[in-house]
Amino acid sequence: MALPQSDEKEMSFLDHLEELRWHIVRSVVAIMICMIVAFVFTPWIFHNIIFAPSRVDFPTFKWLCALGEWTGAVDALCVKPFPFKVQSRYMTGQFTMQILASFVIGFIISFPYVFWEIWRFVKPGLKQNESKNSRGAVFAVSFLFMLGISFGYFVLCPMMTWFFSSYSISDAIVNEFDITSYVSTFIALVFGSGLLFQLPVVVYFLTRIGLLTPQFMRTYRRHAIIVILIIGAIVTPPDPLSQVLISLPLFLLYEISIFISAYVVRQKRKQEEKDAQADQMTA
């Protein structure tokens, strides 16, 4: 009898691996399809999306100028045309960046589906109350990811492009950026913002498994502020404006995460009380 049980467990494990494999295959296929579409439309994407933050008609610069007109600070907020030149100094530079940009764009577009596939694999292993409390996880993760992507694209990228294009230590130096450097920095800011905005989701699951509490987050709030400022200094250009722009939303997400952690703790206590009452009734 022991041998069949062992074989059954082994087959069950292999079945899980097979199921995981198909989830991964479907996710990769979705990414590849979106990547191919992005690759075909590369000229349009580079001109209208990737290089768009280098032009003064970019929506962010228009909004800043409109804010300057409304507040009377036109000279301070209206961005004047700035020099922006990109060159390719490596033989494979343009082709490599086309592949990289197409892959990242394909992943961003297909992210909701990819996470949905991952969630379909994880969800059956959750308990009934855990599955119930995790409703809307796909929407929440996808929404926060796209919100972070939008923040990185519409806030960080134009500020980065304007700052480094206008920055000069000598008139003898001309700012001409390599396509590899620009696209890599662009992707790091946009994709990094999408990941950083997953903080509430991470806090939710860490609280669910008992590794994090709202009391801990409140106690170390000052330490968190320092960490957030360090992150802001790392992922943004070295100017105070950009650091504040990334630090403020991260601090807001941290405060929201405290409420989420507290909510999870309350739900866990209620569930424990219900389980205790059920055990008493059974006894």
Protein backbone atom coordinates (compact mmCIF):
# COMPACT_ATOMS: atom_id res chain seq x y z
CA MET A 1 0.00 0.00 0.00
CA ALA A 2 2.91 2.36 0.68
CA LEU A 3 4.24 2.07 -2.87
CA PRO A 4 1.06 3.19 -4.68
CA GLN A 5 0.72 6.17 -2.32
CA SER A 6 4.29 7.18 -3.13
CA ASP A 7 3.62 6.87 -6.84
CA GLU A 8 0.41 8.88 -6.47
CA LYS A 9 2.27 11.69 -4.70
CA GLU A 10 4.98 11.63 -7.38
CA MET A 11 2.41 11.81 -10.17
CA SER A 12 0.62 14.64 -8.37
CA PHE A 13 3.89 16.57 -8.16
CA LEU A 14 4.59 15.91 -11.84
CA ASP A 15 1.08 17.01 -12.71
CA HIS A 16 1.74 20.31 -10.93
CA LEU A 17 4.97 20.74 -12.86
CA GLU A 18 3.16 20.03 -16.11
CA GLU A 19 0.47 22.56 -15.24
CA LEU A 20 3.10 25.15 -14.33
CA ARG A 21 4.90 24.48 -17.60
CA TRP A 22 1.78 25.24 -19.62
CA HIS A 23 1.13 28.43 -17.66
CA ILE A 24 4.69 29.53 -18.44
CA VAL A 25 4.36 28.53 -22.10
CA ARG A 26 1.16 30.54 -22.54
CA SER A 27 2.75 33.54 -20.79
CA VAL A 28 5.84 33.39 -23.00
CA VAL A 29 3.68 33.09 -26.12
CA ALA A 30 1.69 36.18 -25.07
CA ILE A 31 4.90 38.14 -24.46
CA MET A 32 6.37 37.02 -27.80
CA ILE A 33 3.24 38.01 -29.73
CA CYS A 34 3.23 41.49 -28.17
CA MET A 35 7.01 41.71 -28.71
CA ILE A 36 6.66 40.91 -32.42
CA VAL A 37 3.96 43.54 -32.83
CA ALA A 38 6.16 46.09 -31.05
CA PHE A 39 9.13 45.09 -33.22
CA VAL A 40 7.12 45.68 -36.41
CA PHE A 41 6.07 49.15 -35.24
CA THR A 42 9.50 50.07 -33.84
CA PRO A 43 9.96 53.31 -35.86
CA TRP A 44 6.61 54.65 -34.62
CA ILE A 45 7.28 53.51 -31.05
CA PHE A 46 10.71 55.12 -30.87
CA HIS A 47 9.50 58.42 -32.33
CA ASN A 48 6.19 58.72 -30.48
CA ILE A 49 6.93 56.94 -27.19
CA ILE A 50 10.60 56.44 -26.38
CA PHE A 51 11.92 59.75 -27.78
CA ALA A 52 8.74 61.71 -26.95
CA PRO A 53 10.00 62.90 -23.49
CA SER A 54 12.81 64.74 -25.29
CA ARG A 55 10.41 67.21 -26.95
CA VAL A 56 8.79 70.23 -25.32
CA ASP A 57 5.37 69.22 -26.70
CA PHE A 58 5.39 66.21 -24.36
CA PRO A 59 2.23 66.23 -22.15
CA THR A 60 4.22 66.64 -18.92
CA PHE A 61 5.96 69.77 -20.19
CA LYS A 62 2.64 71.15 -21.41
CA TRP A 63 1.06 70.55 -17.99
CA LEU A 64 3.99 72.22 -16.24
CA CYS A 65 3.75 75.23 -18.53
CA ALA A 66 -0.01 75.48 -17.97
CA LEU A 67 0.63 75.32 -14.21
CA GLY A 68 3.23 78.08 -14.61
CA GLU A 69 0.75 80.29 -16.43
CA TRP A 70 -1.86 79.68 -13.75
CA THR A 71 0.51 80.41 -10.87
CA GLY A 72 2.45 83.18 -12.56
CA ALA A 73 5.69 81.18 -12.61
CA VAL A 74 6.03 80.74 -16.35
CA ASP A 75 9.80 81.20 -16.42
CA ALA A 76 10.29 78.60 -13.69
CA LEU A 77 7.93 75.90 -14.97
CA CYS A 78 7.80 76.30 -18.75
CA VAL A 79 10.52 74.14 -20.27
CA LYS A 80 12.31 75.71 -23.20
CA PRO A 81 13.55 73.60 -26.14
CA PHE A 82 16.67 71.74 -25.05
CA PRO A 83 19.36 69.99 -27.12
CA PHE A 84 18.82 66.29 -27.47
CA LYS A 85 20.91 64.17 -29.80
CA VAL A 86 21.23 60.40 -29.87
CA GLN A 87 23.87 58.45 -31.70
CA SER A 88 24.85 54.80 -32.06
CA ARG A 89 28.53 54.10 -31.49
CA TYR A 90 28.28 50.33 -31.68
CA MET A 91 27.67 48.33 -34.83
CA THR A 92 24.84 46.34 -33.22
CA GLY A 93 23.61 49.20 -31.01
CA GLN A 94 20.38 50.07 -32.84
CA PHE A 95 19.40 46.46 -33.50
CA THR A 96 20.10 45.41 -29.91
CA MET A 97 18.05 48.29 -28.52
CA GLN A 98 15.22 47.49 -30.92
CA ILE A 99 15.11 43.93 -29.58
CA LEU A 100 15.34 45.08 -25.95
CA ALA A 101 12.70 47.80 -26.32
CA SER A 102 10.35 45.42 -28.15
CA PHE A 103 10.71 42.79 -25.42
CA VAL A 104 10.08 45.26 -22.57
CA ILE A 105 7.08 46.81 -24.32
CA GLY A 106 5.74 43.33 -25.09
CA PHE A 107 6.12 42.34 -21.43
CA ILE A 108 4.42 45.52 -20.20
CA ILE A 109 1.46 45.09 -22.54
CA SER A 110 1.04 41.41 -21.68
CA PHE A 111 1.72 41.84 -17.94
CA PRO A 112 -1.96 41.55 -16.83
CA TYR A 113 -2.31 38.28 -18.75
CA VAL A 114 1.03 36.94 -17.50
CA PHE A 115 0.14 37.64 -13.88
CA TRP A 116 -3.32 36.13 -14.45
CA GLU A 117 -1.63 32.93 -15.63
CA ILE A 118 0.59 32.91 -12.52
CA TRP A 119 -2.40 33.56 -10.29
CA ARG A 120 -4.34 30.69 -11.88
CA PHE A 121 -1.52 28.36 -10.83
CA VAL A 122 -1.18 29.76 -7.30
CA LYS A 123 -4.86 30.22 -6.41
CA PRO A 124 -5.86 26.51 -6.12
CA GLY A 125 -3.23 26.07 -3.39
CA LEU A 126 -4.79 28.76 -1.19
CA LYS A 127 -7.23 28.06 1.61
CA GLN A 128 -10.84 29.07 1.13
CA ASN A 129 -10.60 32.18 3.31
CA GLU A 130 -7.24 33.13 1.72
CA SER A 131 -8.72 32.80 -1.75
CA LYS A 132 -11.72 34.87 -0.69
CA ASN A 133 -9.54 37.63 0.78
CA SER A 134 -7.37 37.67 -2.34
CA ARG A 135 -10.15 38.51 -4.76
CA GLY A 136 -9.15 41.22 -7.17
CA ALA A 137 -5.44 40.39 -6.86
CA VAL A 138 -4.93 40.36 -10.63
CA PHE A 139 -6.63 43.73 -11.01
CA ALA A 140 -4.75 45.27 -8.05
CA VAL A 141 -1.32 44.07 -9.19
CA SER A 142 -1.95 45.06 -12.82
CA PHE A 143 -3.34 48.46 -11.83
CA LEU A 144 -0.39 49.28 -9.55
CA PHE A 145 2.08 48.09 -12.20
CA MET A 146 0.51 50.25 -14.91
CA LEU A 147 0.27 53.16 -12.48
CA GLY A 148 3.99 52.85 -11.76
CA ILE A 149 4.78 52.56 -15.47
CA SER A 150 2.77 55.72 -16.15
CA PHE A 151 4.51 57.56 -13.32
CA GLY A 152 7.93 56.56 -14.58
CA TYR A 153 7.07 57.53 -18.14
CA PHE A 154 5.22 60.79 -17.60
CA VAL A 155 7.18 62.10 -14.61
CA LEU A 156 10.63 60.57 -14.27
CA CYS A 157 11.61 60.16 -17.92
CA PRO A 158 10.92 63.73 -19.08
CA MET A 159 12.65 65.14 -15.99
CA MET A 160 15.63 62.87 -16.57
CA THR A 161 15.85 63.76 -20.26
CA TRP A 162 15.53 67.49 -19.63
CA PHE A 163 18.04 67.51 -16.78
CA PHE A 164 20.81 65.56 -18.47
CA SER A 165 20.31 67.19 -21.87
CA SER A 166 20.54 70.66 -20.33
CA TYR A 167 23.30 69.85 -17.86
CA SER A 168 26.72 71.15 -18.85
CA ILE A 169 29.96 71.76 -17.01
CA SER A 170 31.67 73.36 -19.99
CA ASP A 171 30.67 74.84 -23.37
CA ALA A 172 33.37 72.68 -24.92
CA ILE A 173 31.36 69.53 -24.10
CA VAL A 174 28.43 68.56 -26.30
CA ASN A 175 25.73 66.23 -24.94
CA GLU A 176 25.25 63.46 -27.48
CA PHE A 177 23.87 60.33 -25.86
CA ASP A 178 24.44 56.81 -27.05
CA ILE A 179 21.26 54.92 -27.98
CA THR A 180 22.26 52.08 -25.65
CA SER A 181 22.65 54.42 -22.68
CA TYR A 182 19.40 56.30 -23.31
CA VAL A 183 17.17 53.27 -23.91
CA SER A 184 18.67 51.35 -20.96
CA THR A 185 18.09 54.29 -18.59
CA PHE A 186 14.60 54.84 -20.02
CA ILE A 187 13.66 51.20 -19.42
CA ALA A 188 15.20 51.17 -15.94
CA LEU A 189 13.15 54.21 -14.85
CA VAL A 190 9.85 53.05 -16.35
CA PHE A 191 10.10 49.37 -15.44
CA GLY A 192 11.63 50.14 -12.03
CA SER A 193 8.71 52.43 -11.18
CA GLY A 194 6.27 49.68 -12.12
CA LEU A 195 7.99 47.31 -9.70
CA LEU A 196 8.28 49.87 -6.88
CA PHE A 197 4.55 50.52 -7.05
CA GLN A 198 3.95 46.89 -6.05
CA LEU A 199 4.78 47.80 -2.44
CA PRO A 200 1.16 47.52 -1.16
CA VAL A 201 0.82 44.06 -2.72
CA VAL A 202 4.09 42.89 -1.16
CA VAL A 203 3.03 44.24 2.24
CA TYR A 204 -0.34 42.49 1.92
CA PHE A 205 1.19 39.04 1.38
CA LEU A 206 3.97 39.54 3.95
CA THR A 207 1.30 40.44 6.49
CA ARG A 208 -0.80 37.43 5.50
CA ILE A 209 2.07 35.04 6.27
CA GLY A 210 2.94 36.85 9.49
CA LEU A 211 6.29 38.38 8.52
CA LEU A 212 5.07 41.97 8.75
CA THR A 213 2.76 43.92 11.06
CA PRO A 214 1.37 47.45 10.99
CA GLN A 215 3.03 48.13 14.34
CA PHE A 216 6.42 47.29 12.85
CA MET A 217 5.81 49.60 9.89
CA ARG A 218 4.72 52.47 12.15
CA THR A 219 7.68 51.97 14.48
CA TYR A 220 10.20 52.09 11.63
CA ARG A 221 8.46 54.84 9.62
CA ARG A 222 11.45 57.19 10.00
CA HIS A 223 13.82 54.49 8.80
CA ALA A 224 11.49 53.87 5.85
CA ILE A 225 11.63 57.56 4.92
CA ILE A 226 15.41 57.39 4.77
CA VAL A 227 15.26 54.25 2.62
CA ILE A 228 12.73 55.91 0.30
CA LEU A 229 14.96 58.96 -0.09
CA ILE A 230 17.91 56.68 -0.90
CA ILE A 231 15.82 54.86 -3.49
CA GLY A 232 14.77 58.21 -4.94
CA ALA A 233 18.42 59.26 -5.19
CA ILE A 234 19.38 55.99 -6.90
CA VAL A 235 16.65 55.72 -9.54
CA THR A 236 16.46 59.41 -10.45
CA PRO A 237 18.91 61.99 -11.77
CA PRO A 238 20.94 63.80 -9.08
CA ASP A 239 18.66 66.78 -8.66
CA PRO A 240 16.29 67.49 -5.74
CA LEU A 241 13.17 67.84 -7.90
CA SER A 242 13.38 64.34 -9.37
CA GLN A 243 14.17 62.81 -5.97
CA VAL A 244 11.11 64.47 -4.44
CA LEU A 245 8.93 63.36 -7.38
CA ILE A 246 9.75 59.70 -6.81
CA SER A 247 9.96 59.87 -3.00
CA LEU A 248 6.51 61.41 -2.41
CA PRO A 249 4.50 58.65 -4.15
CA LEU A 250 6.64 55.98 -2.49
CA PHE A 251 5.98 57.49 0.93
CA LEU A 252 2.26 57.67 0.10
CA LEU A 253 2.35 54.01 -0.92
CA TYR A 254 4.09 53.20 2.36
CA GLU A 255 1.32 54.90 4.35
CA ILE A 256 -1.32 53.09 2.30
CA SER A 257 0.53 49.84 2.95
CA ILE A 258 0.24 50.43 6.71
CA PHE A 259 -3.56 50.59 6.39
CA ILE A 260 -3.53 47.47 4.22
CA SER A 261 -1.40 45.63 6.78
CA ALA A 262 -3.74 46.70 9.59
CA TYR A 263 -6.75 45.53 7.58
CA VAL A 264 -5.16 42.12 7.01
CA VAL A 265 -4.38 41.76 10.73
CA ARG A 266 -7.99 42.56 11.64
CA GLN A 267 -9.27 40.02 9.13
CA LYS A 268 -6.91 37.36 10.50
CA ARG A 269 -8.09 38.03 14.06
CA LYS A 270 -11.74 37.76 13.03
CA GLN A 271 -11.01 34.48 11.27
CA GLU A 272 -9.17 33.13 14.30
CA GLU A 273 -12.11 34.06 16.53
CA LYS A 274 -14.52 32.30 14.18
CA ASP A 275 -12.32 29.21 14.13
CA ALA A 276 -12.09 29.23 17.93
CA GLN A 277 -15.87 29.49 18.25
CA ALA A 278 -16.31 26.66 15.76
CA ASP A 279 -13.89 24.49 17.73
CA GLN A 280 -15.78 25.21 20.95
CA MET A 281 -19.10 24.29 19.35
CA THR A 282 -17.58 21.09 17.98
CA ALA A 283 -16.13 20.18 21.39
